[in-house]
Protein backbone atom coordinates (compact mmCIF):
# COMPACT_ATOMS: atom_id res chain seq x y z
CA ARG A 1 7.69 -7.81 -20.69
CA VAL A 2 7.80 -4.18 -21.85
CA TYR A 3 4.46 -2.35 -21.93
CA PRO A 4 3.70 0.67 -24.16
CA ARG A 5 4.27 4.02 -22.47
CA SER A 6 0.55 4.86 -22.54
CA VAL A 7 -0.26 1.62 -20.72
CA ARG A 8 2.45 2.22 -18.13
CA LEU A 9 1.20 5.73 -17.46
CA ALA A 10 -2.39 4.55 -17.15
CA ALA A 11 -1.34 1.85 -14.70
CA HIS A 12 0.71 4.33 -12.70
CA ARG A 13 -2.22 6.77 -12.47
CA ARG A 14 -4.57 4.01 -11.40
CA MET A 15 -2.25 2.81 -8.64
CA LEU A 16 -1.56 6.32 -7.40
CA ARG A 17 -5.26 7.10 -7.15
CA PRO A 18 -6.01 7.68 -3.44
CA MET A 19 -8.02 5.06 -1.60
CA VAL A 20 -10.75 7.17 -0.09
CA ASP A 21 -11.90 6.29 3.41
CA ALA A 22 -13.40 8.27 6.28
CA CYS A 23 -9.92 9.00 7.70
CA GLU A 24 -8.34 9.88 4.36
CA TRP A 25 -8.34 13.65 4.87
CA GLU A 26 -6.32 13.39 8.09
CA GLN A 27 -3.99 10.70 6.75
CA THR A 28 -3.27 12.75 3.63
CA SER A 29 -2.49 15.78 5.78
CA LEU A 30 0.01 13.69 7.76
CA LEU A 31 1.55 12.37 4.55
CA HIS A 32 2.16 15.93 3.38
CA LYS A 33 3.54 16.99 6.75
CA PHE A 34 5.94 14.08 7.32
CA VAL A 35 6.96 13.15 3.76
CA LEU A 36 6.03 15.47 0.92
CA GLU A 37 6.94 18.71 2.71
CA LYS A 38 10.17 17.21 4.10
CA LYS A 39 11.52 15.70 0.91
CA SER A 40 14.82 17.60 0.92
CA GLU A 41 15.38 16.79 4.60
CA LEU A 42 14.58 13.10 4.11
CA ASP A 43 16.91 12.90 1.11
CA GLN A 44 19.79 13.32 3.54
CA PHE A 45 18.96 9.87 4.98
CA ARG A 46 18.56 7.97 1.72
CA ASP A 47 21.79 6.03 2.39
CA CYS A 48 21.12 5.50 6.11
CA GLU A 49 20.21 1.87 6.79
CA ASN A 50 18.46 2.58 10.10
CA SER A 51 16.10 5.20 8.71
CA ALA A 52 12.57 5.01 7.33
CA ALA A 53 13.93 7.10 4.44
CA GLY A 54 16.85 4.74 3.85
CA PRO A 55 17.49 1.88 1.39
CA LYS A 56 16.16 -0.89 3.65
CA SER A 57 12.86 0.82 4.47
CA ILE A 58 9.74 -0.58 2.85
CA SER A 59 7.48 2.31 3.85
CA PRO A 60 7.97 5.98 4.83
CA TYR A 61 7.29 7.16 8.36
CA VAL A 62 3.80 8.67 8.52
CA PRO A 63 1.90 8.55 11.84
CA CYS A 64 -1.48 6.84 11.91
CA ALA A 65 -4.44 9.23 11.73
CA ALA A 66 -5.92 9.70 15.19
CA SER A 67 -9.40 9.33 13.73
CA ARG A 68 -8.51 5.77 12.60
CA ILE A 69 -7.40 4.46 16.01
CA PRO A 70 -10.83 3.57 17.48
CA TYR A 71 -11.71 1.55 14.38
CA ILE A 72 -8.43 -0.38 14.44
CA LEU A 73 -9.08 -1.36 18.05
CA GLN A 74 -12.65 -2.41 17.34
CA ALA A 75 -11.96 -4.22 14.05
CA ALA A 76 -9.15 -6.25 15.64
CA ARG A 77 -11.36 -7.04 18.68
CA ILE A 78 -8.50 -6.23 21.01
CA THR A 79 -8.89 -7.16 24.68
CA ALA A 80 -6.55 -7.09 27.67
CA ASP A 81 -5.64 -10.73 26.91
CA ASP A 82 -4.16 -9.91 23.50
CA ILE A 83 -0.59 -9.24 22.41
CA LEU A 84 -0.53 -6.71 19.58
CA TRP A 85 2.48 -6.41 17.30
CA ASP A 86 2.89 -3.43 14.99
CA LEU A 87 5.15 -4.24 12.05
CA GLY A 88 6.47 -0.82 11.13
CA CYS A 89 5.32 0.90 14.30
CA GLY A 90 6.85 4.34 13.64
CA ASP A 91 6.41 6.50 16.73
CA GLY A 92 4.33 3.78 18.44
CA PHE A 93 1.11 5.83 18.46
CA VAL A 94 -1.21 2.89 17.71
CA LEU A 95 0.41 0.71 20.37
CA HIS A 96 0.35 3.44 23.00
CA GLU A 97 -3.38 3.89 22.43
CA ALA A 98 -4.04 0.14 22.44
CA ALA A 99 -2.20 -0.23 25.74
CA ARG A 100 -4.00 2.75 27.29
CA ARG A 101 -7.49 1.87 26.12
CA CYS A 102 -7.46 -1.93 26.04
CA GLY A 103 -4.74 -2.87 28.54
CA CYS A 104 -3.11 -5.28 26.09
CA ARG A 105 0.59 -6.00 25.77
CA CYS A 106 2.21 -4.40 22.72
CA VAL A 107 5.33 -4.95 20.64
CA GLY A 108 6.56 -2.50 18.00
CA LEU A 109 9.17 -3.18 15.34
CA ASP A 110 10.58 -0.48 13.06
CA ILE A 111 13.75 0.08 11.08
CA ASP A 112 13.93 3.77 12.03
CA ALA A 113 16.10 4.19 15.14
CA PRO A 114 14.84 7.69 16.10
CA CYS A 115 11.23 6.47 15.80
CA VAL A 116 11.90 3.50 18.06
CA GLU A 117 13.52 5.74 20.67
CA MET A 118 10.61 8.18 20.38
CA ALA A 119 8.14 5.31 20.92
CA ARG A 120 10.00 4.15 24.05
CA THR A 121 10.14 7.65 25.50
CA ARG A 122 6.48 8.29 24.82
CA SER A 123 5.45 5.00 26.45
CA GLN A 124 7.23 6.14 29.62
CA GLU A 125 5.48 9.52 29.51
CA LEU A 126 2.08 7.89 29.05
CA GLY A 127 2.60 5.34 31.82
CA VAL A 128 2.35 2.29 29.56
CA ALA A 129 6.03 1.32 29.42
CA GLU A 130 5.33 -1.96 31.26
CA LEU A 131 2.93 -2.96 28.49
CA CYS A 132 4.97 -1.75 25.51
CA HIS A 133 8.18 -3.17 24.03
CA PHE A 134 9.94 -1.64 21.01
CA GLU A 135 12.81 -2.95 18.88
CA GLN A 136 14.68 -1.64 15.88
CA ARG A 137 14.23 -4.26 13.17
CA ASP A 138 14.45 -4.66 9.41
CA LEU A 139 11.10 -6.28 8.65
CA LEU A 140 12.37 -7.99 5.52
CA ALA A 141 15.17 -9.63 7.54
CA LEU A 142 12.89 -11.24 10.13
CA PRO A 143 13.44 -15.03 10.11
CA ALA A 144 10.71 -17.60 9.71
CA GLY A 145 8.92 -18.25 12.97
CA SER A 146 9.34 -14.73 14.32
CA LEU A 147 5.61 -14.48 15.04
CA GLY A 148 5.55 -17.93 16.60
CA ASP A 149 5.35 -19.27 20.14
CA ARG A 150 9.07 -19.85 20.69
CA SER A 151 10.62 -21.81 23.54
CA GLY A 152 14.00 -20.31 22.66
CA GLU A 153 14.93 -17.39 20.46
CA ALA A 154 16.74 -18.06 17.24
CA ALA A 155 19.20 -15.56 15.82
CA GLY A 156 17.42 -12.48 14.58
CA GLU A 157 14.12 -13.20 16.30
CA PRO A 158 12.56 -10.37 18.32
CA SER A 159 12.92 -10.79 22.08
CA ALA A 160 9.19 -10.39 22.79
CA PRO A 161 6.12 -12.56 23.40
CA PRO A 162 4.44 -13.81 20.20
CA PRO A 163 1.42 -11.89 18.92
CA THR A 164 -2.23 -12.78 18.83
CA ILE A 165 -2.69 -9.82 16.44
CA ALA A 166 -0.19 -8.40 13.95
CA LEU A 167 -0.78 -4.95 12.47
CA ALA A 168 0.93 -3.77 9.29
CA PHE A 169 0.19 -0.17 8.34
CA LEU A 170 2.40 0.03 5.25
CA THR A 171 2.19 1.38 1.72
CA GLY A 172 1.20 -0.94 -1.13
CA PRO A 173 4.81 -1.71 -2.09
CA GLY A 174 5.64 -2.39 1.57
CA LEU A 175 2.76 -4.83 1.98
CA VAL A 176 3.62 -6.58 -1.28
CA ALA A 177 7.24 -6.97 -0.14
CA LEU A 178 6.26 -8.30 3.30
CA ALA A 179 3.33 -10.46 2.18
CA PRO A 180 5.12 -13.78 1.38
CA TRP A 181 6.80 -13.90 4.81
CA LEU A 182 3.65 -12.70 6.56
CA PHE A 183 1.52 -15.30 4.78
CA GLU A 184 3.73 -18.16 5.98
CA GLU A 185 3.72 -16.79 9.54
CA TRP A 186 -0.08 -16.51 9.44
CA ARG A 187 -0.47 -20.08 8.21
CA ARG A 188 2.06 -21.44 10.71
CA GLU A 189 0.31 -19.76 13.62
CA ALA A 190 -3.21 -20.90 12.72
CA PRO A 191 -3.50 -23.04 15.89
CA ARG A 192 -2.95 -19.93 18.02
CA GLY A 193 -5.54 -17.95 16.07
CA LEU A 194 -3.17 -15.22 14.82
CA ARG A 195 -5.12 -12.51 13.03
CA LEU A 196 -3.76 -9.70 10.88
CA VAL A 197 -4.81 -6.08 10.47
CA THR A 198 -3.82 -3.65 7.73
CA CYS A 199 -4.72 0.00 7.20
CA VAL A 200 -5.56 1.87 3.99
CA GLU A 201 -4.32 -1.05 1.88
CA SER A 202 -5.89 -4.52 2.01
CA LEU A 203 -3.67 -7.58 1.57
CA ASP A 204 -5.89 -9.04 -1.17
CA THR A 205 -5.67 -5.90 -3.34
CA ALA A 206 -2.32 -4.29 -2.44
CA MET A 207 -0.08 -3.55 -5.42
CA ASP A 208 3.45 -2.28 -5.85
CA TYR A 209 2.79 0.99 -7.65
CA ASN A 210 6.47 1.18 -8.57
CA ASP A 211 5.77 -1.70 -10.95
CA PRO A 212 3.36 -0.67 -13.76
CA GLY A 213 2.90 -4.33 -14.66
CA ALA A 214 1.39 -5.05 -11.24
CA MET A 215 -2.10 -4.08 -12.39
CA PHE A 216 -2.05 -6.92 -14.90
CA GLY A 217 -1.21 -9.57 -12.30
CA ASP A 218 -3.27 -11.28 -9.60
CA ALA A 219 -3.09 -9.01 -6.55
CA ASN A 220 -4.35 -11.87 -4.39
CA ALA A 221 -2.17 -14.67 -5.68
CA LEU A 222 -1.57 -15.80 -2.09
CA GLY A 223 -5.29 -16.24 -1.46
CA TRP A 224 -5.82 -13.90 1.48
CA THR A 225 -9.20 -13.97 3.24
CA VAL A 226 -10.05 -10.41 4.24
CA CYS A 227 -12.93 -9.01 6.28
CA LYS A 228 -13.74 -5.49 5.06
CA ASP A 229 -16.48 -4.58 7.51
CA HIS A 230 -14.37 -1.62 8.69
CA GLY A 231 -13.20 -0.71 5.21
CA LYS A 232 -14.97 2.65 5.30
CA TRP A 233 -12.37 3.65 7.92
CA GLY A 234 -9.53 2.04 5.99
CA VAL A 235 -9.13 -0.93 8.34
CA PHE A 236 -8.99 -4.52 7.04
CA VAL A 237 -8.81 -7.76 9.03
CA VAL A 238 -7.45 -11.15 7.99
CA PRO A 239 -9.11 -13.71 10.31
CA PRO A 240 -7.07 -16.64 11.66
CA CYS A 241 -5.96 -18.98 8.90
CA GLY A 242 -8.71 -21.44 8.03
CA GLN A 243 -11.54 -19.20 9.25
CA SER A 244 -13.94 -17.67 6.76
CA VAL A 245 -15.17 -14.10 6.92
CA GLU A 246 -18.62 -15.39 7.89
CA GLU A 247 -17.16 -17.43 10.76
CA TRP A 248 -15.13 -14.43 11.88
CA ARG A 249 -18.22 -12.24 11.94
CA ALA A 250 -20.12 -14.84 13.95
CA GLU A 251 -17.47 -15.20 16.64
CA VAL A 252 -17.53 -11.83 18.37
CA PRO A 253 -15.86 -12.48 21.75
CA ARG A 254 -17.26 -11.37 25.06
CA GLY A 255 -16.11 -7.96 26.10
CA THR A 256 -16.01 -6.61 22.54
CA LEU A 257 -17.41 -3.09 22.78
CA PRO A 258 -18.96 -0.73 20.25
CA VAL A 259 -16.69 1.97 18.87
CA GLN A 260 -15.54 4.18 21.72
CA LEU A 261 -14.43 7.70 20.83
CA LEU A 262 -12.40 9.69 23.32
CA ARG A 263 -12.79 13.46 23.23
CA ARG A 264 -9.67 13.85 21.10
CA ASP A 265 -10.99 11.17 18.72
CA SER A 266 -14.20 13.18 18.40
CA GLU A 267 -12.20 16.31 17.61
CA ALA A 268 -10.45 14.45 14.79
CA THR A 269 -13.72 13.57 13.03
CA ARG A 270 -15.29 15.62 10.26
CA PRO A 271 -18.95 16.71 10.16
CA ILE A 272 -21.17 15.59 7.29
CA VAL A 273 -23.42 18.12 5.51
CA LEU A 274 -26.73 16.53 4.47
CA PRO A 275 -28.67 18.60 1.92
CA ASN A 276 -32.46 18.82 1.70
CA LEU A 277 -33.23 16.79 4.81
CA LEU A 278 -36.54 18.53 5.44
CA SER A 279 -39.12 19.65 2.90
CA GLU A 280 -40.84 23.02 2.93
CA GLU A 281 -43.92 21.25 4.29
CA ASP A 282 -41.88 19.75 7.16
CA ILE A 283 -40.35 23.10 8.00
CA GLN A 284 -43.66 24.97 8.06
CA LEU A 285 -45.14 22.24 10.29
CA VAL A 286 -42.30 22.66 12.79
CA HIS A 287 -42.59 26.47 12.75
CA ARG A 288 -46.34 26.35 13.28
CA LEU A 289 -46.23 23.87 16.16
CA ALA A 290 -43.33 25.57 17.89
CA ALA A 291 -44.49 29.21 17.54
CA GLU A 292 -47.17 29.37 20.24
CA HIS A 293 -45.22 27.33 22.79
CA LEU A 294 -42.06 29.32 22.16
CA ARG A 295 -43.90 32.58 22.90
CA GLY A 296 -45.39 31.15 26.07
CA ALA A 297 -42.15 29.65 27.32
CA CYS A 298 -40.29 32.92 26.81
CA ALA A 299 -42.94 35.36 28.01
CA GLY A 300 -41.30 37.73 30.46
CA ALA A 301 -37.83 36.23 29.90
CA ASP A 302 -34.99 38.66 30.46
CA ASP A 303 -31.24 38.61 30.65
CA ALA A 304 -31.03 38.08 34.40
CA SER A 305 -28.45 35.60 35.57
CA VAL A 306 -29.40 32.41 37.36
CA SER A 307 -29.16 32.57 41.16
CA LEU A 308 -28.43 29.43 43.12
CA PHE A 309 -30.73 30.75 45.89
CA ASP A 310 -33.70 30.84 43.51
CA LEU A 311 -33.47 27.24 42.37
CA PRO A 312 -36.40 24.98 43.28
CA ASP A 313 -35.45 22.23 45.69
CA GLU A 314 -36.06 19.44 43.24
CA ALA A 315 -34.02 20.92 40.38
CA SER A 316 -30.32 20.52 39.86
CA PHE A 317 -28.24 23.55 39.00
CA HIS A 318 -27.58 22.26 35.47
CA VAL A 319 -31.28 21.74 34.72
CA ALA A 320 -32.35 25.11 36.08
CA ALA A 321 -29.43 26.94 34.50
CA GLU A 322 -30.15 25.42 31.10
CA ASP A 323 -33.84 26.32 31.32
CA ALA A 324 -32.99 29.92 32.24
CA LEU A 325 -30.29 30.23 29.60
CA HIS A 326 -32.57 28.89 26.89
CA GLY A 327 -35.21 31.47 27.74
CA LEU A 328 -33.00 34.44 26.85
CA ARG A 329 -34.56 36.45 24.04
CA GLN A 330 -31.44 36.44 21.84
CA HIS A 331 -31.37 32.64 21.71
CA ARG A 332 -34.51 30.84 22.75
CA VAL A 333 -34.72 27.05 22.85
CA LEU A 334 -37.85 24.93 22.97
CA HIS A 335 -37.39 21.30 24.05
CA LEU A 336 -39.97 19.73 21.78
CA HIS A 337 -39.59 16.25 23.25
CA GLY A 338 -40.66 17.61 26.65
CA ILE A 339 -44.01 19.03 25.45
CA GLU A 340 -46.53 16.23 25.38
CA VAL A 341 -49.10 18.00 23.20
CA LEU A 342 -46.49 18.75 20.53
CA MET A 343 -45.36 15.12 20.36
CA ALA A 344 -48.85 13.77 19.73
CA GLU A 345 -48.69 11.52 16.69
CA GLU A 346 -51.55 13.26 14.91
CA GLY A 347 -49.68 16.58 15.02
CA GLY A 348 -47.01 15.33 12.64
CA LEU A 349 -43.92 16.22 14.70
CA PRO A 350 -43.04 12.61 15.64
CA ALA A 351 -42.88 11.83 11.91
CA VAL A 352 -40.35 14.64 11.46
CA GLU A 353 -38.33 13.29 14.37
CA ARG A 354 -38.32 9.80 12.88
CA LYS A 355 -37.20 11.18 9.52
CA LEU A 356 -34.22 12.85 11.17
CA VAL A 357 -33.31 9.77 13.21
CA GLU A 358 -33.36 7.67 10.04
CA ALA A 359 -31.12 10.23 8.34
CA ILE A 360 -28.65 9.99 11.22
CA LYS A 361 -28.65 6.18 11.09
CA ALA A 362 -28.19 6.16 7.31
CA ASN A 363 -25.27 8.61 7.45
CA ASP A 364 -23.45 7.41 10.56
CA GLY A 365 -20.04 7.37 8.96
CA TYR A 366 -18.50 7.17 12.42
CA GLY A 367 -19.94 3.76 13.35
CA LEU A 368 -21.21 5.05 16.69
CA LEU A 369 -24.72 3.60 16.46
CA ALA A 370 -23.65 0.08 15.47
CA ALA A 371 -24.06 -2.51 18.25
CA ARG A 372 -25.70 0.10 20.49
CA ASP A 373 -29.15 0.74 21.89
CA PHE A 374 -29.79 4.46 21.59
CA ASN A 375 -32.57 6.97 22.15
CA VAL A 376 -33.39 10.58 21.40
CA ARG A 377 -31.82 12.61 24.17
CA SER A 378 -33.10 15.99 23.01
CA PHE A 379 -35.24 17.35 20.16
CA GLU A 380 -34.93 21.13 20.15
CA TYR A 381 -36.24 24.17 18.27
CA HIS A 382 -33.76 27.07 18.34
CA ALA A 383 -34.70 30.69 17.62
CA TYR A 384 -31.88 33.22 17.29
CA CYS A 385 -32.39 36.96 16.90
CA ASP A 386 -29.97 39.92 17.02
CA GLY A 387 -26.97 39.01 19.15
CA GLY A 388 -27.85 35.34 19.60
CA SER A 389 -24.98 32.89 19.28
CA VAL A 390 -23.17 29.86 20.67
CA MET A 391 -19.60 31.09 20.92
CA ASP A 392 -18.06 29.16 23.84
CA ALA A 393 -14.91 27.72 22.24
CA GLU A 394 -15.33 24.57 24.38
CA HIS A 395 -19.02 24.02 23.61
CA ARG A 396 -19.83 20.34 23.10
CA ASP A 397 -22.93 18.17 23.47
CA ASP A 398 -21.25 16.15 26.21
CA GLY A 399 -22.63 12.68 26.83
CA SER A 400 -24.41 12.31 23.49
CA LEU A 401 -23.32 10.19 20.54
CA LEU A 402 -24.40 12.11 17.44
CA THR A 403 -26.01 15.49 16.89
CA LEU A 404 -27.87 16.72 13.81
CA SER A 405 -28.49 20.45 13.30
CA VAL A 406 -30.96 21.42 10.56
CA LEU A 407 -31.35 25.01 9.34
CA LEU A 408 -35.03 25.98 9.12
CA SER A 409 -34.56 29.56 7.86
CA PRO A 410 -33.49 30.78 4.43
CA PRO A 411 -30.00 32.31 4.70
CA SER A 412 -31.48 35.58 3.42
CA ASP A 413 -33.32 36.01 6.75
CA PHE A 414 -30.14 36.63 8.74
CA GLU A 415 -26.49 37.58 8.68
CA GLY A 416 -23.85 35.66 10.63
CA GLY A 417 -25.28 32.54 12.26
CA THR A 418 -22.63 30.36 10.63
CA PHE A 419 -22.33 26.84 11.99
CA THR A 420 -18.66 26.15 12.73
CA THR A 421 -16.59 23.29 14.08
CA PHE A 422 -12.89 23.00 14.81
CA GLN A 423 -9.97 21.09 13.29
CA GLY A 424 -7.27 21.65 15.86
CA GLU A 425 -7.58 25.34 16.64
CA GLU A 426 -8.79 26.25 13.16
CA ARG A 427 -12.46 27.13 12.75
CA VAL A 428 -14.22 25.34 9.89
CA GLU A 429 -17.40 26.92 8.52
CA HIS A 430 -20.23 24.76 7.19
CA THR A 431 -22.50 26.43 4.65
CA LEU A 432 -26.15 25.38 4.96
CA GLY A 433 -29.26 26.19 3.01
CA LYS A 434 -32.83 26.00 4.22
CA GLY A 435 -33.64 22.37 5.07
CA ASP A 436 -29.98 21.30 5.06
CA GLY A 437 -28.44 19.56 8.06
CA VAL A 438 -24.98 19.00 9.48
CA LEU A 439 -24.31 15.72 11.30
CA PHE A 440 -21.40 15.51 13.73
CA VAL A 441 -20.00 13.60 16.68
CA SER A 442 -21.63 15.23 19.68
CA GLU A 443 -18.45 15.74 21.67
CA LYS A 444 -16.81 17.68 18.86
CA ARG A 445 -16.58 21.40 19.58
CA HIS A 446 -19.08 23.49 17.62
CA ASN A 447 -20.36 27.05 17.53
CA VAL A 448 -22.92 29.32 15.91
CA SER A 449 -21.55 32.81 15.15
CA PRO A 450 -23.51 35.92 16.29
CA VAL A 451 -26.76 36.46 14.41
CA THR A 452 -28.29 39.60 13.00
CA GLY A 453 -31.85 38.91 11.89
CA ASP A 454 -33.89 35.75 12.47
CA ARG A 455 -32.31 32.29 12.37
CA ARG A 456 -34.25 29.10 13.22
CA ALA A 457 -32.85 25.60 13.57
CA LEU A 458 -33.93 22.11 14.62
CA ILE A 459 -31.49 20.05 16.70
CA ILE A 460 -31.65 16.37 17.58
CA GLU A 461 -29.19 14.47 19.79
CA LEU A 462 -28.92 10.68 20.17
CA TRP A 463 -27.40 8.98 23.21
CA GLU A 464 -27.33 5.65 25.07
CA GLY A 465 -29.50 6.86 27.94
CA PRO A 466 -33.30 6.82 28.18
CA ARG A 467 -35.41 9.35 26.33
CA ASN A 468 -35.58 12.55 28.36
CA LYS A 469 -38.90 14.12 29.36
CA ARG A 470 -38.00 17.76 29.97
CA ASN A 471 -34.68 18.99 28.51
CA ARG A 472 -31.22 17.54 27.83
CA HIS A 473 -30.72 16.46 31.45
CA VAL A 474 -34.03 15.00 32.64
């Protein structure tokens, strides 16, 4: 059937529209770096049959976004007992991380010979070579039964143990091309409980955007059952054949952990600016309650350094050093949660704290609070004057899950004082107005540039430990 040009263009635009998820910014950057900016270089391999840019490839080589890895591991419920196959593994990044973090055995198949060699080399460097096996394979040439529990290997079958989980991070056309074979493998391996994972594209909605007529067909003609609980991170799970999404959700195995972010995972996340978190009434309440205690706590404070010989016997260095540092006149910090009179319910401050905690819960785009018991670690009032800053390039809120920083001053009250985070080594500035907040993963590096004037802020950190009674440490 031939469709009018206007219809074909509309279909093409619809299918090219990016699927937005929380990792999209990083994935798009990788797409530009490895494909769009290397088009002329990749064109040299268009006739090479063992290249991701060649005629047999069903998807270009683009590494998986680092920020997506923790959600793949959690969504798939990977444990040390699993065998994870990556169909189109590229440089093996996902498998290396699965082996390192979960201790599972991993098998990677890819048509690109340099990628396969890179994956093998990297597994040696990372110390996971005993857990990882890589083969150069044309995915569309894999015979029936390749994902099965084989007593003997037929011609063309991979020489590796069969998977309990198969991952396919492919473009829409790649998934559409692989889907018929994958569907039969999934059905055949139902007794073993084979589950499938895809990224960015879901098997029940994937379309071949090279075919404008695809939008008029049934994208889920095969009848895939897909759990989209991790869809906000672009991760989709097909439970074992015969199991409903509800049954899959109900059968969380022992040992399944909440999302675990390593430091480098935290660095790959992006902060979220939340406008108008606190009203003018809230802000004035906080200022009023904090003012007298801030003056008292900082009376006589100077710029003297902390001496180990002056520490009280019962205090650790970190506790005493933090108390002394937070008493410096350029940047004074009041730990509100440690002042009993301020946290009296009738004073109104607990209501402000609860409002901020609810805002964090409602905007946890990182999934860090799900399946966790958490508490307020620290609730702090920060007062910066001339010269005050947080400029340590390695500054993090180590040990916490999420941090929310709310600006209490109008920007006209100060110069500088810009809240910044890092993407790689690049500083990223976050513009805030009075009452606005910025929510971020606590172990992501962050700074406040030097202030001229008067800048006030309210900070709250959540963690898995008990609520502290004095500062961030005790």
